[in-house]
Amino acid sequence: MFEHILVAVDGSEGSKRALETAARLAAHSDAELLILTVYRHHSMTEASMSMVRPNDPENLDDVLRGYAKEVAEKAKAEAGERGAGRVRAFVKNGQPARTIVKFGEDHGADLIVVGSRGMGDIEGFLLGSVSHKVTSLARCPVMVV
């Protein structure tokens, strides 16, 4: 059925449900499960702080990357516990939706699984959600859980 399933996780409840679903699918179809956590800066101020203090271990890049690694490794362990045999975890920096889709294309994903996320009416209208953007950008099927 599937050979490479990509699941995006960020530690939220929605991504935990997506991980459960993707792990079950991977276990049943003997597919490789690719777990991706994407982190990014949210303002120019935060980005400039990282450039000003590049050797400071507490700079924002290191903190975000460290948290993303924890999320990815925890998801990898949980996927294994749920029966997924071949599991790899990755951490990338970038705009979440575009990074997820590009990663899926680069790794031959034939399914992308993402969690849905409720947003306020105004924020959702102005920005859209990551899951919505992934469904509109991806060339392969996307399952929103």
C-alpha atoms as a PDB file:
ATOM      1  CA  MET A   1       0.000   0.000   0.000  1.00  0.00           C
ATOM      2  CA  PHE A   2       2.526   2.619   1.191  1.00  0.00           C
ATOM      3  CA  GLU A   3       6.315   2.473   1.155  1.00  0.00           C
ATOM      4  CA  HIS A   4       7.246   5.745   2.903  1.00  0.00           C
ATOM      5  CA  ILE A   5       4.872   7.484   5.295  1.00  0.00           C
ATOM      6  CA  LEU A   6       5.799  10.935   6.563  1.00  0.00           C
ATOM      7  CA  VAL A   7       4.254  12.181   9.792  1.00  0.00           C
ATOM      8  CA  ALA A   8       4.822  15.711  11.058  1.00  0.00           C
ATOM      9  CA  VAL A   9       4.940  16.059  14.839  1.00  0.00           C
ATOM     10  CA  ASP A  10       5.227  19.100  17.073  1.00  0.00           C
ATOM     11  CA  GLY A  11       4.223  17.727  20.473  1.00  0.00           C
ATOM     12  CA  SER A  12       0.607  18.903  20.224  1.00  0.00           C
ATOM     13  CA  GLU A  13      -2.375  16.637  20.814  1.00  0.00           C
ATOM     14  CA  GLY A  14      -3.221  16.748  17.117  1.00  0.00           C
ATOM     15  CA  SER A  15       0.249  15.578  16.135  1.00  0.00           C
ATOM     16  CA  LYS A  16       0.097  12.788  18.729  1.00  0.00           C
ATOM     17  CA  ARG A  17      -3.061  11.499  17.058  1.00  0.00           C
ATOM     18  CA  ALA A  18      -1.369  11.803  13.668  1.00  0.00           C
ATOM     19  CA  LEU A  19       1.589   9.791  14.980  1.00  0.00           C
ATOM     20  CA  GLU A  20      -0.711   7.039  16.286  1.00  0.00           C
ATOM     21  CA  THR A  21      -2.447   6.774  12.923  1.00  0.00           C
ATOM     22  CA  ALA A  22       0.775   6.880  10.902  1.00  0.00           C
ATOM     23  CA  ALA A  23       2.444   4.253  13.119  1.00  0.00           C
ATOM     24  CA  ARG A  24      -0.523   1.885  12.712  1.00  0.00           C
ATOM     25  CA  LEU A  25      -0.506   2.387   8.941  1.00  0.00           C
ATOM     26  CA  ALA A  26       3.249   1.803   8.785  1.00  0.00           C
ATOM     27  CA  ALA A  27       2.952  -1.360  10.886  1.00  0.00           C
ATOM     28  CA  HIS A  28       0.161  -2.786   8.711  1.00  0.00           C
ATOM     29  CA  SER A  29       1.795  -1.966   5.391  1.00  0.00           C
ATOM     30  CA  ASP A  30       5.427  -2.569   6.444  1.00  0.00           C
ATOM     31  CA  ALA A  31       6.200   0.982   5.335  1.00  0.00           C
ATOM     32  CA  GLU A  32       9.092   3.089   6.501  1.00  0.00           C
ATOM     33  CA  LEU A  33       7.851   5.781   8.893  1.00  0.00           C
ATOM     34  CA  LEU A  34       9.555   9.145   8.583  1.00  0.00           C
ATOM     35  CA  ILE A  35       8.967  11.434  11.553  1.00  0.00           C
ATOM     36  CA  LEU A  36       9.612  15.134  11.000  1.00  0.00           C
ATOM     37  CA  THR A  37       9.670  17.969  13.506  1.00  0.00           C
ATOM     38  CA  VAL A  38      10.012  21.483  12.093  1.00  0.00           C
ATOM     39  CA  TYR A  39      11.022  24.504  14.148  1.00  0.00           C
ATOM     40  CA  ARG A  40      11.379  28.141  13.150  1.00  0.00           C
ATOM     41  CA  HIS A  41      11.800  31.672  14.428  1.00  0.00           C
ATOM     42  CA  HIS A  42       8.639  33.689  14.806  1.00  0.00           C
ATOM     43  CA  SER A  43      10.086  37.186  14.704  1.00  0.00           C
ATOM     44  CA  MET A  44      13.057  39.147  13.427  1.00  0.00           C
ATOM     45  CA  THR A  45      13.976  39.994  17.030  1.00  0.00           C
ATOM     46  CA  GLU A  46      14.392  36.333  17.913  1.00  0.00           C
ATOM     47  CA  ALA A  47      16.417  35.708  14.763  1.00  0.00           C
ATOM     48  CA  SER A  48      18.687  38.677  15.483  1.00  0.00           C
ATOM     49  CA  MET A  49      19.341  37.438  19.035  1.00  0.00           C
ATOM     50  CA  SER A  50      20.680  34.175  17.594  1.00  0.00           C
ATOM     51  CA  MET A  51      23.042  36.105  15.309  1.00  0.00           C
ATOM     52  CA  VAL A  52      24.272  38.386  18.103  1.00  0.00           C
ATOM     53  CA  ARG A  53      25.090  35.527  20.473  1.00  0.00           C
ATOM     54  CA  PRO A  54      26.124  32.613  18.204  1.00  0.00           C
ATOM     55  CA  ASN A  55      28.327  30.940  20.853  1.00  0.00           C
ATOM     56  CA  ASP A  56      25.838  31.233  23.688  1.00  0.00           C
ATOM     57  CA  PRO A  57      24.400  27.754  24.337  1.00  0.00           C
ATOM     58  CA  GLU A  58      21.109  29.308  25.390  1.00  0.00           C
ATOM     59  CA  ASN A  59      20.515  31.113  22.111  1.00  0.00           C
ATOM     60  CA  LEU A  60      17.085  30.576  20.637  1.00  0.00           C
ATOM     61  CA  ASP A  61      18.239  28.329  17.805  1.00  0.00           C
ATOM     62  CA  ASP A  62      19.747  25.863  20.263  1.00  0.00           C
ATOM     63  CA  VAL A  63      16.710  25.914  22.522  1.00  0.00           C
ATOM     64  CA  LEU A  64      14.262  25.357  19.643  1.00  0.00           C
ATOM     65  CA  ARG A  65      16.447  22.694  18.027  1.00  0.00           C
ATOM     66  CA  GLY A  66      16.838  20.908  21.371  1.00  0.00           C
ATOM     67  CA  TYR A  67      13.099  20.854  21.972  1.00  0.00           C
ATOM     68  CA  ALA A  68      12.453  19.670  18.410  1.00  0.00           C
ATOM     69  CA  LYS A  69      14.949  16.810  18.882  1.00  0.00           C
ATOM     70  CA  GLU A  70      13.202  15.763  22.090  1.00  0.00           C
ATOM     71  CA  VAL A  71       9.818  15.756  20.342  1.00  0.00           C
ATOM     72  CA  ALA A  72      11.168  13.766  17.388  1.00  0.00           C
ATOM     73  CA  GLU A  73      12.967  11.168  19.536  1.00  0.00           C
ATOM     74  CA  LYS A  74       9.939  10.686  21.793  1.00  0.00           C
ATOM     75  CA  ALA A  75       7.740  10.230  18.711  1.00  0.00           C
ATOM     76  CA  LYS A  76      10.215   7.695  17.297  1.00  0.00           C
ATOM     77  CA  ALA A  77      10.052   5.643  20.492  1.00  0.00           C
ATOM     78  CA  GLU A  78       6.249   5.803  20.573  1.00  0.00           C
ATOM     79  CA  ALA A  79       6.012   4.722  16.926  1.00  0.00           C
ATOM     80  CA  GLY A  80       8.164   1.690  17.700  1.00  0.00           C
ATOM     81  CA  GLU A  81       5.946   0.820  20.653  1.00  0.00           C
ATOM     82  CA  ARG A  82       2.940   0.963  18.315  1.00  0.00           C
ATOM     83  CA  GLY A  83       4.458  -1.607  15.970  1.00  0.00           C
ATOM     84  CA  ALA A  84       6.171   0.494  13.301  1.00  0.00           C
ATOM     85  CA  GLY A  85       9.276  -1.458  12.334  1.00  0.00           C
ATOM     86  CA  ARG A  86      11.319   0.963  10.259  1.00  0.00           C
ATOM     87  CA  VAL A  87      11.281   4.409  11.837  1.00  0.00           C
ATOM     88  CA  ARG A  88      13.562   7.398  11.320  1.00  0.00           C
ATOM     89  CA  ALA A  89      13.239  10.813  12.973  1.00  0.00           C
ATOM     90  CA  PHE A  90      14.391  14.139  11.547  1.00  0.00           C
ATOM     91  CA  VAL A  91      14.499  17.768  12.687  1.00  0.00           C
ATOM     92  CA  LYS A  92      14.444  20.647  10.206  1.00  0.00           C
ATOM     93  CA  ASN A  93      14.376  24.417  10.483  1.00  0.00           C
ATOM     94  CA  GLY A  94      12.028  26.381   8.233  1.00  0.00           C
ATOM     95  CA  GLN A  95       8.491  27.360   7.400  1.00  0.00           C
ATOM     96  CA  PRO A  96       6.484  24.319   8.605  1.00  0.00           C
ATOM     97  CA  ALA A  97       4.137  23.563   5.700  1.00  0.00           C
ATOM     98  CA  ARG A  98       6.688  24.103   2.944  1.00  0.00           C
ATOM     99  CA  THR A  99       9.384  22.217   4.871  1.00  0.00           C
ATOM    100  CA  ILE A 100       7.052  19.241   5.414  1.00  0.00           C
ATOM    101  CA  VAL A 101       6.083  19.060   1.743  1.00  0.00           C
ATOM    102  CA  LYS A 102       9.673  19.495   0.492  1.00  0.00           C
ATOM    103  CA  PHE A 103      10.943  16.855   2.915  1.00  0.00           C
ATOM    104  CA  GLY A 104       8.236  14.463   1.738  1.00  0.00           C
ATOM    105  CA  GLU A 105       9.193  15.019  -1.897  1.00  0.00           C
ATOM    106  CA  ASP A 106      12.910  14.588  -1.157  1.00  0.00           C
ATOM    107  CA  HIS A 107      12.317  11.313   0.718  1.00  0.00           C
ATOM    108  CA  GLY A 108       9.746   9.770  -1.618  1.00  0.00           C
ATOM    109  CA  ALA A 109       6.827   9.919   0.796  1.00  0.00           C
ATOM    110  CA  ASP A 110       3.681   8.454  -0.717  1.00  0.00           C
ATOM    111  CA  LEU A 111       1.548   9.654   2.208  1.00  0.00           C
ATOM    112  CA  ILE A 112       1.852  12.624   4.565  1.00  0.00           C
ATOM    113  CA  VAL A 113       0.000  12.479   7.889  1.00  0.00           C
ATOM    114  CA  VAL A 114      -0.566  15.686   9.864  1.00  0.00           C
ATOM    115  CA  GLY A 115      -2.683  16.636  12.837  1.00  0.00           C
ATOM    116  CA  SER A 116      -5.505  19.094  12.508  1.00  0.00           C
ATOM    117  CA  ARG A 117      -5.334  22.160  14.674  1.00  0.00           C
ATOM    118  CA  GLY A 118      -8.151  24.443  15.653  1.00  0.00           C
ATOM    119  CA  MET A 119      -7.461  28.134  15.170  1.00  0.00           C
ATOM    120  CA  GLY A 120      -9.498  31.176  15.970  1.00  0.00           C
ATOM    121  CA  ASP A 121     -11.683  32.489  13.166  1.00  0.00           C
ATOM    122  CA  ILE A 122      -9.573  35.570  12.463  1.00  0.00           C
ATOM    123  CA  GLU A 123      -6.176  33.866  12.819  1.00  0.00           C
ATOM    124  CA  GLY A 124      -7.296  30.922  10.690  1.00  0.00           C
ATOM    125  CA  PHE A 125      -8.732  33.228   8.041  1.00  0.00           C
ATOM    126  CA  LEU A 126      -5.616  35.401   7.852  1.00  0.00           C
ATOM    127  CA  LEU A 127      -2.910  32.764   8.219  1.00  0.00           C
ATOM    128  CA  GLY A 128      -4.448  29.384   7.524  1.00  0.00           C
ATOM    129  CA  SER A 129      -3.294  26.275   9.333  1.00  0.00           C
ATOM    130  CA  VAL A 130      -0.222  24.169   8.632  1.00  0.00           C
ATOM    131  CA  SER A 131      -2.409  21.170   7.792  1.00  0.00           C
ATOM    132  CA  HIS A 132      -4.429  23.227   5.307  1.00  0.00           C
ATOM    133  CA  LYS A 133      -1.261  24.519   3.644  1.00  0.00           C
ATOM    134  CA  VAL A 134       0.229  21.015   3.440  1.00  0.00           C
ATOM    135  CA  THR A 135      -2.911  19.677   1.753  1.00  0.00           C
ATOM    136  CA  SER A 136      -2.772  22.447  -0.836  1.00  0.00           C
ATOM    137  CA  LEU A 137       0.981  22.137  -1.553  1.00  0.00           C
ATOM    138  CA  ALA A 138       1.585  18.369  -1.477  1.00  0.00           C
ATOM    139  CA  ARG A 139       1.606  16.253  -4.607  1.00  0.00           C
ATOM    140  CA  CYS A 140       0.988  13.022  -2.694  1.00  0.00           C
ATOM    141  CA  PRO A 141      -2.062  12.147  -0.568  1.00  0.00           C
ATOM    142  CA  VAL A 142      -2.327  13.931   2.787  1.00  0.00           C
ATOM    143  CA  MET A 143      -4.253  12.535   5.734  1.00  0.00           C
ATOM    144  CA  VAL A 144      -5.362  15.111   8.301  1.00  0.00           C
ATOM    145  CA  VAL A 145      -6.127  13.488  11.654  1.00  0.00           C
END
